[in-house]
Amino acid sequence: MKIGVIGAGAVGAACALAATMGACASEIVLVNRDRRRAEGVATDIRYGAALAGAVEIRDGGYGDLAGAALVMITAGVNEKAGGAIDRGDPAGRLKLLARNVEVYGEILPRLFRVAPQAVILVVTDPPDPLADLVRVFGFPHVMSTGTFLDSLRFRFHLARHLAVRVPAVEAQVLGEHGTSQVFLWSGARVAGVSVDNIPRESVEREVRFANIAIIEGTGASQYGIGMVCARIAEIVLRDERAVIPVGAFNPAYGVTISMPSVVGRTGVERILEPPMSAVEKQALRRSADTLRAAVERTL
């Protein structure tokens, strides 16, 4: 099966590398506004791809995305270039929305002509309102990376405090992939046992601003999201029907928002709503309101 990656910057390159090493697709096409950049990234990865299995990775144009089962869109202004690395700014990634709507305005018509039925995975920040843009444009199978990475970060920090391995921890972040995200503390578990005596404020701060801390050290937050995107591609292409916290349009909230979702060949097939405390439910509604206001103001 074929997947596409639009955008060969730091995140796009990381997605292409992770997808290649995971051998989740037989063909990966990397598309970039500057074709030479896509060619360089694809060539670099290609030389090591023999270690990953039968995967062909190449650069291409939009026409080469025809027949792709899934297309990741990573193109756009990133947090550092867009000035979205101020921990005190409540807008967070939403500050990038207007500029990246313009970028998507160039991409979507060209993509729709060749791959209208592909599952579109929105990776560009802010992914949730941009997923609404893609859906309104006419693509029927749209999802955002949402809070999948945030949830993995949450699990990591809980595991570190509890001195256990990350796979032993069950914990989720819901809502916006951004400053209004909701930590589902009421559902956090280790082997079915509730998590107690954790410095919640400290953990939330570590997770909420992990991207900024990474950018301050390296200039780009790319590898974690690359691995997340590769895993999502694997779930879709294998029709796993795995349950992961990703963004999809939720009629109950009127906007794309992250909830635990059953993901298979056509993307999000069913949205699940876990038990929440009254405080968590209220916070999720506020998160949805934040996203809805951004969509109404920009799209």
C-alpha atoms as a PDB file:
ATOM      1  CA  MET A   1       0.000   0.000   0.000  1.00  0.00           C
ATOM      2  CA  LYS A   2       1.035   3.582  -0.653  1.00  0.00           C
ATOM      3  CA  ILE A   3       1.136   6.503   1.759  1.00  0.00           C
ATOM      4  CA  GLY A   4       2.059  10.113   1.088  1.00  0.00           C
ATOM      5  CA  VAL A   5       3.783  12.757   3.180  1.00  0.00           C
ATOM      6  CA  ILE A   6       3.228  16.377   2.149  1.00  0.00           C
ATOM      7  CA  GLY A   7       5.962  18.568   3.562  1.00  0.00           C
ATOM      8  CA  ALA A   8       9.621  17.592   3.835  1.00  0.00           C
ATOM      9  CA  GLY A   9      10.623  19.838   6.717  1.00  0.00           C
ATOM     10  CA  ALA A  10      11.711  18.533  10.110  1.00  0.00           C
ATOM     11  CA  VAL A  11       8.383  16.887  10.933  1.00  0.00           C
ATOM     12  CA  GLY A  12       7.744  15.532   7.441  1.00  0.00           C
ATOM     13  CA  ALA A  13      11.222  14.018   7.288  1.00  0.00           C
ATOM     14  CA  ALA A  14      10.738  12.431  10.719  1.00  0.00           C
ATOM     15  CA  CYS A  15       7.385  10.990   9.639  1.00  0.00           C
ATOM     16  CA  ALA A  16       8.919   9.569   6.468  1.00  0.00           C
ATOM     17  CA  LEU A  17      11.813   8.042   8.389  1.00  0.00           C
ATOM     18  CA  ALA A  18       9.601   6.486  11.069  1.00  0.00           C
ATOM     19  CA  ALA A  19       7.181   5.118   8.467  1.00  0.00           C
ATOM     20  CA  THR A  20      10.070   3.626   6.528  1.00  0.00           C
ATOM     21  CA  MET A  21      11.621   1.966   9.566  1.00  0.00           C
ATOM     22  CA  GLY A  22       8.217   0.651  10.604  1.00  0.00           C
ATOM     23  CA  ALA A  23       7.676  -0.801   7.122  1.00  0.00           C
ATOM     24  CA  CYS A  24       3.977  -0.035   7.446  1.00  0.00           C
ATOM     25  CA  ALA A  25       3.633   0.701   3.717  1.00  0.00           C
ATOM     26  CA  SER A  26       5.210  -0.701   0.576  1.00  0.00           C
ATOM     27  CA  GLU A  27       5.554   2.767  -0.973  1.00  0.00           C
ATOM     28  CA  ILE A  28       6.077   6.207   0.578  1.00  0.00           C
ATOM     29  CA  VAL A  29       5.876   9.321  -1.600  1.00  0.00           C
ATOM     30  CA  LEU A  30       7.332  12.544  -0.213  1.00  0.00           C
ATOM     31  CA  VAL A  31       5.946  15.769  -1.715  1.00  0.00           C
ATOM     32  CA  ASN A  32       7.344  19.218  -1.018  1.00  0.00           C
ATOM     33  CA  ARG A  33       6.998  22.675  -2.532  1.00  0.00           C
ATOM     34  CA  ASP A  34      10.745  22.569  -3.150  1.00  0.00           C
ATOM     35  CA  ARG A  35      11.082  19.249  -4.959  1.00  0.00           C
ATOM     36  CA  ARG A  36      14.843  19.180  -4.376  1.00  0.00           C
ATOM     37  CA  ARG A  37      14.268  19.098  -0.622  1.00  0.00           C
ATOM     38  CA  ALA A  38      11.922  16.104  -0.975  1.00  0.00           C
ATOM     39  CA  GLU A  39      14.416  14.388  -3.257  1.00  0.00           C
ATOM     40  CA  GLY A  40      17.235  14.922  -0.780  1.00  0.00           C
ATOM     41  CA  VAL A  41      15.267  13.581   2.195  1.00  0.00           C
ATOM     42  CA  ALA A  42      13.957  10.574   0.242  1.00  0.00           C
ATOM     43  CA  THR A  43      17.408   9.749  -1.072  1.00  0.00           C
ATOM     44  CA  ASP A  44      18.961   9.964   2.384  1.00  0.00           C
ATOM     45  CA  ILE A  45      16.356   7.615   3.860  1.00  0.00           C
ATOM     46  CA  ARG A  46      16.449   5.302   0.845  1.00  0.00           C
ATOM     47  CA  TYR A  47      20.061   4.327   1.477  1.00  0.00           C
ATOM     48  CA  GLY A  48      19.120   2.843   4.854  1.00  0.00           C
ATOM     49  CA  ALA A  49      15.693   1.550   3.891  1.00  0.00           C
ATOM     50  CA  ALA A  50      17.040  -1.918   3.107  1.00  0.00           C
ATOM     51  CA  LEU A  51      17.363  -2.405   6.858  1.00  0.00           C
ATOM     52  CA  ALA A  52      13.620  -1.885   7.294  1.00  0.00           C
ATOM     53  CA  GLY A  53      12.110  -4.323   4.809  1.00  0.00           C
ATOM     54  CA  ALA A  54      10.459  -4.011   1.433  1.00  0.00           C
ATOM     55  CA  VAL A  55       9.752  -0.271   1.422  1.00  0.00           C
ATOM     56  CA  GLU A  56      10.212   2.084  -1.506  1.00  0.00           C
ATOM     57  CA  ILE A  57      10.534   5.748  -0.585  1.00  0.00           C
ATOM     58  CA  ARG A  58      10.729   8.416  -3.255  1.00  0.00           C
ATOM     59  CA  ASP A  59       9.990  12.052  -3.936  1.00  0.00           C
ATOM     60  CA  GLY A  60       7.110  12.964  -6.210  1.00  0.00           C
ATOM     61  CA  GLY A  61       4.465  15.442  -7.215  1.00  0.00           C
ATOM     62  CA  TYR A  62       0.798  15.518  -6.296  1.00  0.00           C
ATOM     63  CA  GLY A  63      -0.036  13.171  -9.179  1.00  0.00           C
ATOM     64  CA  ASP A  64       2.110  10.517  -7.523  1.00  0.00           C
ATOM     65  CA  LEU A  65      -0.261  10.495  -4.535  1.00  0.00           C
ATOM     66  CA  ALA A  66      -3.038   8.918  -6.622  1.00  0.00           C
ATOM     67  CA  GLY A  67      -4.078   5.648  -5.008  1.00  0.00           C
ATOM     68  CA  ALA A  68      -2.556   6.490  -1.623  1.00  0.00           C
ATOM     69  CA  ALA A  69      -4.432   4.933   1.282  1.00  0.00           C
ATOM     70  CA  LEU A  70      -3.281   7.654   3.665  1.00  0.00           C
ATOM     71  CA  VAL A  71      -1.702  11.074   3.237  1.00  0.00           C
ATOM     72  CA  MET A  72      -0.011  12.932   6.079  1.00  0.00           C
ATOM     73  CA  ILE A  73       0.044  16.713   5.772  1.00  0.00           C
ATOM     74  CA  THR A  74       2.945  18.204   7.698  1.00  0.00           C
ATOM     75  CA  ALA A  75       3.526  21.361   5.622  1.00  0.00           C
ATOM     76  CA  GLY A  76       3.160  24.795   7.144  1.00  0.00           C
ATOM     77  CA  VAL A  77       4.665  27.355   9.494  1.00  0.00           C
ATOM     78  CA  ASN A  78       6.035  25.664  12.593  1.00  0.00           C
ATOM     79  CA  GLU A  79       5.924  26.862  16.178  1.00  0.00           C
ATOM     80  CA  LYS A  80       9.370  28.436  16.212  1.00  0.00           C
ATOM     81  CA  ALA A  81       8.957  30.307  12.930  1.00  0.00           C
ATOM     82  CA  GLY A  82       5.412  31.295  13.860  1.00  0.00           C
ATOM     83  CA  GLY A  83       6.312  32.655  17.283  1.00  0.00           C
ATOM     84  CA  ALA A  84       4.249  30.103  19.212  1.00  0.00           C
ATOM     85  CA  ILE A  85       6.857  29.242  21.844  1.00  0.00           C
ATOM     86  CA  ASP A  86       5.775  31.563  24.650  1.00  0.00           C
ATOM     87  CA  ARG A  87       4.655  29.518  27.658  1.00  0.00           C
ATOM     88  CA  GLY A  88       2.608  32.482  28.849  1.00  0.00           C
ATOM     89  CA  ASP A  89       0.595  32.857  25.634  1.00  0.00           C
ATOM     90  CA  PRO A  90      -2.830  31.179  26.092  1.00  0.00           C
ATOM     91  CA  ALA A  91      -3.273  30.940  22.302  1.00  0.00           C
ATOM     92  CA  GLY A  92      -0.413  28.468  22.008  1.00  0.00           C
ATOM     93  CA  ARG A  93      -0.430  26.639  18.665  1.00  0.00           C
ATOM     94  CA  LEU A  94      -3.667  28.348  17.641  1.00  0.00           C
ATOM     95  CA  LYS A  95      -1.504  31.387  16.890  1.00  0.00           C
ATOM     96  CA  LEU A  96      -0.388  29.535  13.735  1.00  0.00           C
ATOM     97  CA  LEU A  97      -3.871  28.857  12.385  1.00  0.00           C
ATOM     98  CA  ALA A  98      -4.372  31.788  10.008  1.00  0.00           C
ATOM     99  CA  ARG A  99      -0.984  31.365   8.347  1.00  0.00           C
ATOM    100  CA  ASN A 100      -1.364  27.620   7.944  1.00  0.00           C
ATOM    101  CA  VAL A 101      -4.872  27.970   6.546  1.00  0.00           C
ATOM    102  CA  GLU A 102      -3.188  29.820   3.682  1.00  0.00           C
ATOM    103  CA  VAL A 103      -0.691  26.986   3.220  1.00  0.00           C
ATOM    104  CA  TYR A 104      -3.497  24.425   3.173  1.00  0.00           C
ATOM    105  CA  GLY A 105      -5.357  26.569   0.653  1.00  0.00           C
ATOM    106  CA  GLU A 106      -2.609  25.727  -1.828  1.00  0.00           C
ATOM    107  CA  ILE A 107      -2.409  22.043  -0.923  1.00  0.00           C
ATOM    108  CA  LEU A 108      -6.014  20.844  -0.662  1.00  0.00           C
ATOM    109  CA  PRO A 109      -7.252  21.493  -4.233  1.00  0.00           C
ATOM    110  CA  ARG A 110      -4.239  19.709  -5.698  1.00  0.00           C
ATOM    111  CA  LEU A 111      -4.572  16.804  -3.281  1.00  0.00           C
ATOM    112  CA  PHE A 112      -8.322  16.457  -3.780  1.00  0.00           C
ATOM    113  CA  ARG A 113      -7.895  16.075  -7.530  1.00  0.00           C
ATOM    114  CA  VAL A 114      -5.743  12.963  -7.139  1.00  0.00           C
ATOM    115  CA  ALA A 115      -6.634  11.360  -3.786  1.00  0.00           C
ATOM    116  CA  PRO A 116     -10.140  12.395  -2.667  1.00  0.00           C
ATOM    117  CA  GLN A 117     -10.803   9.108  -0.843  1.00  0.00           C
ATOM    118  CA  ALA A 118      -7.502   8.857   1.028  1.00  0.00           C
ATOM    119  CA  VAL A 119      -7.453   9.066   4.800  1.00  0.00           C
ATOM    120  CA  ILE A 120      -6.024  12.526   5.484  1.00  0.00           C
ATOM    121  CA  LEU A 121      -3.918  12.748   8.637  1.00  0.00           C
ATOM    122  CA  VAL A 122      -3.442  16.384   9.670  1.00  0.00           C
ATOM    123  CA  VAL A 123      -0.141  16.882  11.455  1.00  0.00           C
ATOM    124  CA  THR A 124       0.495  20.620  10.928  1.00  0.00           C
ATOM    125  CA  ASP A 125      -0.129  22.781  13.988  1.00  0.00           C
ATOM    126  CA  PRO A 126      -2.775  23.479  15.076  1.00  0.00           C
ATOM    127  CA  PRO A 127      -3.997  20.097  13.799  1.00  0.00           C
ATOM    128  CA  ASP A 128      -7.559  20.081  15.132  1.00  0.00           C
ATOM    129  CA  PRO A 129      -8.964  23.221  13.419  1.00  0.00           C
ATOM    130  CA  LEU A 130      -6.947  22.424  10.292  1.00  0.00           C
ATOM    131  CA  ALA A 131      -8.654  19.021  10.227  1.00  0.00           C
ATOM    132  CA  ASP A 132     -11.979  20.879  10.229  1.00  0.00           C
ATOM    133  CA  LEU A 133     -10.753  22.855   7.223  1.00  0.00           C
ATOM    134  CA  VAL A 134      -9.857  19.639   5.375  1.00  0.00           C
ATOM    135  CA  ARG A 135     -13.234  18.099   6.224  1.00  0.00           C
ATOM    136  CA  VAL A 136     -15.195  21.151   5.083  1.00  0.00           C
ATOM    137  CA  PHE A 137     -13.196  21.170   1.855  1.00  0.00           C
ATOM    138  CA  GLY A 138     -14.768  17.812   1.016  1.00  0.00           C
ATOM    139  CA  PHE A 139     -12.458  15.029   2.141  1.00  0.00           C
ATOM    140  CA  PRO A 140     -14.609  12.307   3.768  1.00  0.00           C
ATOM    141  CA  HIS A 141     -11.902  10.600   5.842  1.00  0.00           C
ATOM    142  CA  VAL A 142     -10.084  13.136   8.017  1.00  0.00           C
ATOM    143  CA  MET A 143      -8.331  12.865  11.335  1.00  0.00           C
ATOM    144  CA  SER A 144      -5.736  14.860  13.244  1.00  0.00           C
ATOM    145  CA  THR A 145      -2.861  13.552  15.308  1.00  0.00           C
ATOM    146  CA  GLY A 146      -4.686  15.268  18.165  1.00  0.00           C
ATOM    147  CA  THR A 147      -3.562  14.353  21.668  1.00  0.00           C
ATOM    148  CA  PHE A 148      -1.955  11.010  20.853  1.00  0.00           C
ATOM    149  CA  LEU A 149       1.538  12.366  21.524  1.00  0.00           C
ATOM    150  CA  ASP A 150       0.327  14.365  24.536  1.00  0.00           C
ATOM    151  CA  SER A 151      -1.081  11.142  26.007  1.00  0.00           C
ATOM    152  CA  LEU A 152       2.227   9.349  25.474  1.00  0.00           C
ATOM    153  CA  ARG A 153       4.014  12.212  27.222  1.00  0.00           C
ATOM    154  CA  PHE A 154       1.502  12.018  30.082  1.00  0.00           C
ATOM    155  CA  ARG A 155       2.109   8.285  30.443  1.00  0.00           C
ATOM    156  CA  PHE A 156       5.878   8.820  30.371  1.00  0.00           C
ATOM    157  CA  HIS A 157       5.879  11.351  33.204  1.00  0.00           C
ATOM    158  CA  LEU A 158       3.494   9.271  35.310  1.00  0.00           C
ATOM    159  CA  ALA A 159       5.682   6.196  34.782  1.00  0.00           C
ATOM    160  CA  ARG A 160       8.762   8.144  35.834  1.00  0.00           C
ATOM    161  CA  HIS A 161       7.108   9.299  39.056  1.00  0.00           C
ATOM    162  CA  LEU A 162       5.812   5.783  39.790  1.00  0.00           C
ATOM    163  CA  ALA A 163       9.067   4.049  38.824  1.00  0.00           C
ATOM    164  CA  VAL A 164       7.358   1.700  36.367  1.00  0.00           C
ATOM    165  CA  ARG A 165       7.639   1.146  32.624  1.00  0.00           C
ATOM    166  CA  VAL A 166       5.486   3.334  30.388  1.00  0.00           C
ATOM    167  CA  PRO A 167       3.455   0.429  28.894  1.00  0.00           C
ATOM    168  CA  ALA A 168       2.167  -0.330  32.411  1.00  0.00           C
ATOM    169  CA  VAL A 169       0.479   3.094  32.612  1.00  0.00           C
ATOM    170  CA  GLU A 170      -2.940   3.866  31.181  1.00  0.00           C
ATOM    171  CA  ALA A 171      -3.590   7.606  30.946  1.00  0.00           C
ATOM    172  CA  GLN A 172      -5.041   9.965  28.378  1.00  0.00           C
ATOM    173  CA  VAL A 173      -5.084  13.609  27.412  1.00  0.00           C
ATOM    174  CA  LEU A 174      -8.268  14.718  25.633  1.00  0.00           C
ATOM    175  CA  GLY A 175      -9.521  17.852  23.892  1.00  0.00           C
ATOM    176  CA  GLU A 176      -7.237  20.262  22.057  1.00  0.00           C
ATOM    177  CA  HIS A 177      -3.663  19.495  21.096  1.00  0.00           C
ATOM    178  CA  GLY A 178      -2.781  22.745  22.788  1.00  0.00           C
ATOM    179  CA  THR A 179      -3.081  24.828  25.904  1.00  0.00           C
ATOM    180  CA  SER A 180      -6.700  23.861  26.711  1.00  0.00           C
ATOM    181  CA  GLN A 181      -5.997  20.115  26.667  1.00  0.00           C
ATOM    182  CA  VAL A 182      -7.599  18.032  29.410  1.00  0.00           C
ATOM    183  CA  PHE A 183      -5.678  15.550  31.552  1.00  0.00           C
ATOM    184  CA  LEU A 184      -7.937  12.632  32.460  1.00  0.00           C
ATOM    185  CA  TRP A 185      -6.573  12.058  35.951  1.00  0.00           C
ATOM    186  CA  SER A 186      -9.701  10.190  37.014  1.00  0.00           C
ATOM    187  CA  GLY A 187      -8.910   7.452  34.493  1.00  0.00           C
ATOM    188  CA  ALA A 188      -5.157   7.193  35.080  1.00  0.00           C
ATOM    189  CA  ARG A 189      -4.276   3.644  36.108  1.00  0.00           C
ATOM    190  CA  VAL A 190      -1.373   1.294  36.686  1.00  0.00           C
ATOM    191  CA  ALA A 191      -2.515  -2.333  36.461  1.00  0.00           C
ATOM    192  CA  GLY A 192      -6.033  -1.123  37.203  1.00  0.00           C
ATOM    193  CA  VAL A 193      -4.951   0.782  40.312  1.00  0.00           C
ATOM    194  CA  SER A 194      -5.696   4.506  40.514  1.00  0.00           C
ATOM    195  CA  VAL A 195      -2.755   6.875  40.422  1.00  0.00           C
ATOM    196  CA  ASP A 196      -2.288   8.846  43.637  1.00  0.00           C
ATOM    197  CA  ASN A 197       0.319  11.094  45.246  1.00  0.00           C
ATOM    198  CA  ILE A 198       1.494  12.552  41.955  1.00  0.00           C
ATOM    199  CA  PRO A 199       2.435  16.259  41.650  1.00  0.00           C
ATOM    200  CA  ARG A 200      -0.286  16.977  39.131  1.00  0.00           C
ATOM    201  CA  GLU A 201       0.586  20.572  38.355  1.00  0.00           C
ATOM    202  CA  SER A 202       4.202  19.658  37.679  1.00  0.00           C
ATOM    203  CA  VAL A 203       3.280  16.756  35.403  1.00  0.00           C
ATOM    204  CA  GLU A 204       0.767  18.832  33.459  1.00  0.00           C
ATOM    205  CA  ARG A 205       3.318  21.587  32.959  1.00  0.00           C
ATOM    206  CA  GLU A 206       5.902  19.083  31.668  1.00  0.00           C
ATOM    207  CA  VAL A 207       3.419  17.655  29.173  1.00  0.00           C
ATOM    208  CA  ARG A 208       1.768  20.890  28.099  1.00  0.00           C
ATOM    209  CA  PHE A 209       5.050  22.614  27.288  1.00  0.00           C
ATOM    210  CA  ALA A 210       7.095  19.599  26.183  1.00  0.00           C
ATOM    211  CA  ASN A 211       7.159  20.886  22.622  1.00  0.00           C
ATOM    212  CA  ILE A 212       8.603  24.238  23.685  1.00  0.00           C
ATOM    213  CA  ALA A 213      11.278  22.581  25.824  1.00  0.00           C
ATOM    214  CA  ILE A 214      12.269  20.405  22.870  1.00  0.00           C
ATOM    215  CA  ILE A 215      12.330  23.354  20.457  1.00  0.00           C
ATOM    216  CA  GLU A 216      14.501  25.323  22.871  1.00  0.00           C
ATOM    217  CA  GLY A 217      17.019  22.490  22.780  1.00  0.00           C
ATOM    218  CA  THR A 218      16.923  21.366  19.154  1.00  0.00           C
ATOM    219  CA  GLY A 219      14.971  23.922  17.129  1.00  0.00           C
ATOM    220  CA  ALA A 220      12.153  21.535  16.227  1.00  0.00           C
ATOM    221  CA  SER A 221       9.889  18.999  17.897  1.00  0.00           C
ATOM    222  CA  GLN A 222       9.883  16.194  15.327  1.00  0.00           C
ATOM    223  CA  TYR A 223      10.841  12.673  16.359  1.00  0.00           C
ATOM    224  CA  GLY A 224       8.011  11.878  18.753  1.00  0.00           C
ATOM    225  CA  ILE A 225       5.341  13.087  16.323  1.00  0.00           C
ATOM    226  CA  GLY A 226       7.091  11.203  13.527  1.00  0.00           C
ATOM    227  CA  MET A 227       6.754   7.951  15.459  1.00  0.00           C
ATOM    228  CA  VAL A 228       3.124   8.720  16.308  1.00  0.00           C
ATOM    229  CA  CYS A 229       2.291   9.337  12.642  1.00  0.00           C
ATOM    230  CA  ALA A 230       3.967   6.107  11.591  1.00  0.00           C
ATOM    231  CA  ARG A 231       1.942   4.198  14.180  1.00  0.00           C
ATOM    232  CA  ILE A 232      -1.300   5.803  12.972  1.00  0.00           C
ATOM    233  CA  ALA A 233      -0.425   4.877   9.389  1.00  0.00           C
ATOM    234  CA  GLU A 234       0.189   1.317  10.495  1.00  0.00           C
ATOM    235  CA  ILE A 235      -3.180   1.163  12.247  1.00  0.00           C
ATOM    236  CA  VAL A 236      -4.997   2.478   9.175  1.00  0.00           C
ATOM    237  CA  LEU A 237      -3.224   0.328   6.597  1.00  0.00           C
ATOM    238  CA  ARG A 238      -3.633  -2.829   8.671  1.00  0.00           C
ATOM    239  CA  ASP A 239      -7.229  -2.000   9.575  1.00  0.00           C
ATOM    240  CA  GLU A 240      -6.357  -2.700  13.203  1.00  0.00           C
ATOM    241  CA  ARG A 241      -9.370  -0.995  14.792  1.00  0.00           C
ATOM    242  CA  ALA A 242      -7.070   0.101  17.593  1.00  0.00           C
ATOM    243  CA  VAL A 243      -8.314   2.643  20.130  1.00  0.00           C
ATOM    244  CA  ILE A 244      -6.131   5.757  20.325  1.00  0.00           C
ATOM    245  CA  PRO A 245      -6.708   9.412  21.342  1.00  0.00           C
ATOM    246  CA  VAL A 246      -6.807  11.270  18.024  1.00  0.00           C
ATOM    247  CA  GLY A 247      -8.804  14.167  16.636  1.00  0.00           C
ATOM    248  CA  ALA A 248     -11.973  13.710  14.583  1.00  0.00           C
ATOM    249  CA  PHE A 249     -15.067  15.794  14.057  1.00  0.00           C
ATOM    250  CA  ASN A 250     -17.352  15.158  17.022  1.00  0.00           C
ATOM    251  CA  PRO A 251     -21.001  16.195  16.469  1.00  0.00           C
ATOM    252  CA  ALA A 252     -21.562  16.369  20.222  1.00  0.00           C
ATOM    253  CA  TYR A 253     -19.039  19.201  20.454  1.00  0.00           C
ATOM    254  CA  GLY A 254     -19.379  20.626  16.941  1.00  0.00           C
ATOM    255  CA  VAL A 255     -15.669  20.597  16.232  1.00  0.00           C
ATOM    256  CA  THR A 256     -12.692  18.304  15.710  1.00  0.00           C
ATOM    257  CA  ILE A 257     -11.486  17.307  19.149  1.00  0.00           C
ATOM    258  CA  SER A 258      -9.479  14.408  20.553  1.00  0.00           C
ATOM    259  CA  MET A 259     -11.249  11.515  22.205  1.00  0.00           C
ATOM    260  CA  PRO A 260     -10.421   7.800  22.389  1.00  0.00           C
ATOM    261  CA  SER A 261     -11.335   6.590  18.897  1.00  0.00           C
ATOM    262  CA  VAL A 262     -11.557   3.298  17.041  1.00  0.00           C
ATOM    263  CA  VAL A 263      -9.254   3.683  14.041  1.00  0.00           C
ATOM    264  CA  GLY A 264      -9.222   1.419  11.001  1.00  0.00           C
ATOM    265  CA  ARG A 265      -8.996   1.433   7.224  1.00  0.00           C
ATOM    266  CA  THR A 266     -11.186   4.526   6.780  1.00  0.00           C
ATOM    267  CA  GLY A 267      -9.689   6.470   9.674  1.00  0.00           C
ATOM    268  CA  VAL A 268     -11.804   7.172  12.750  1.00  0.00           C
ATOM    269  CA  GLU A 269     -14.693   4.707  12.706  1.00  0.00           C
ATOM    270  CA  ARG A 270     -16.142   5.316  16.152  1.00  0.00           C
ATOM    271  CA  ILE A 271     -15.603   7.851  18.928  1.00  0.00           C
ATOM    272  CA  LEU A 272     -15.678   6.714  22.537  1.00  0.00           C
ATOM    273  CA  GLU A 273     -16.304   8.964  25.521  1.00  0.00           C
ATOM    274  CA  PRO A 274     -14.693   7.685  28.720  1.00  0.00           C
ATOM    275  CA  PRO A 275     -16.054   8.323  32.200  1.00  0.00           C
ATOM    276  CA  MET A 276     -15.004  11.736  33.462  1.00  0.00           C
ATOM    277  CA  SER A 277     -15.355  13.730  36.629  1.00  0.00           C
ATOM    278  CA  ALA A 278     -17.564  16.807  36.568  1.00  0.00           C
ATOM    279  CA  VAL A 279     -14.459  19.010  36.535  1.00  0.00           C
ATOM    280  CA  GLU A 280     -12.989  17.095  33.596  1.00  0.00           C
ATOM    281  CA  LYS A 281     -16.242  17.292  31.643  1.00  0.00           C
ATOM    282  CA  GLN A 282     -16.377  21.040  32.167  1.00  0.00           C
ATOM    283  CA  ALA A 283     -12.745  21.387  31.081  1.00  0.00           C
ATOM    284  CA  LEU A 284     -13.450  19.363  27.929  1.00  0.00           C
ATOM    285  CA  ARG A 285     -16.372  21.626  27.062  1.00  0.00           C
ATOM    286  CA  ARG A 286     -14.106  24.649  27.505  1.00  0.00           C
ATOM    287  CA  SER A 287     -11.510  23.048  25.259  1.00  0.00           C
ATOM    288  CA  ALA A 288     -14.158  22.459  22.594  1.00  0.00           C
ATOM    289  CA  ASP A 289     -15.318  26.060  22.958  1.00  0.00           C
ATOM    290  CA  THR A 290     -11.735  27.255  22.437  1.00  0.00           C
ATOM    291  CA  LEU A 291     -11.387  25.229  19.249  1.00  0.00           C
ATOM    292  CA  ARG A 292     -14.812  26.222  17.962  1.00  0.00           C
ATOM    293  CA  ALA A 293     -14.044  29.908  18.480  1.00  0.00           C
ATOM    294  CA  ALA A 294     -10.758  29.527  16.567  1.00  0.00           C
ATOM    295  CA  VAL A 295     -12.547  27.800  13.688  1.00  0.00           C
ATOM    296  CA  GLU A 296     -15.328  30.393  13.530  1.00  0.00           C
ATOM    297  CA  ARG A 297     -12.807  33.242  13.683  1.00  0.00           C
ATOM    298  CA  THR A 298     -10.467  31.919  10.994  1.00  0.00           C
ATOM    299  CA  LEU A 299     -12.105  29.438   8.633  1.00  0.00           C
END
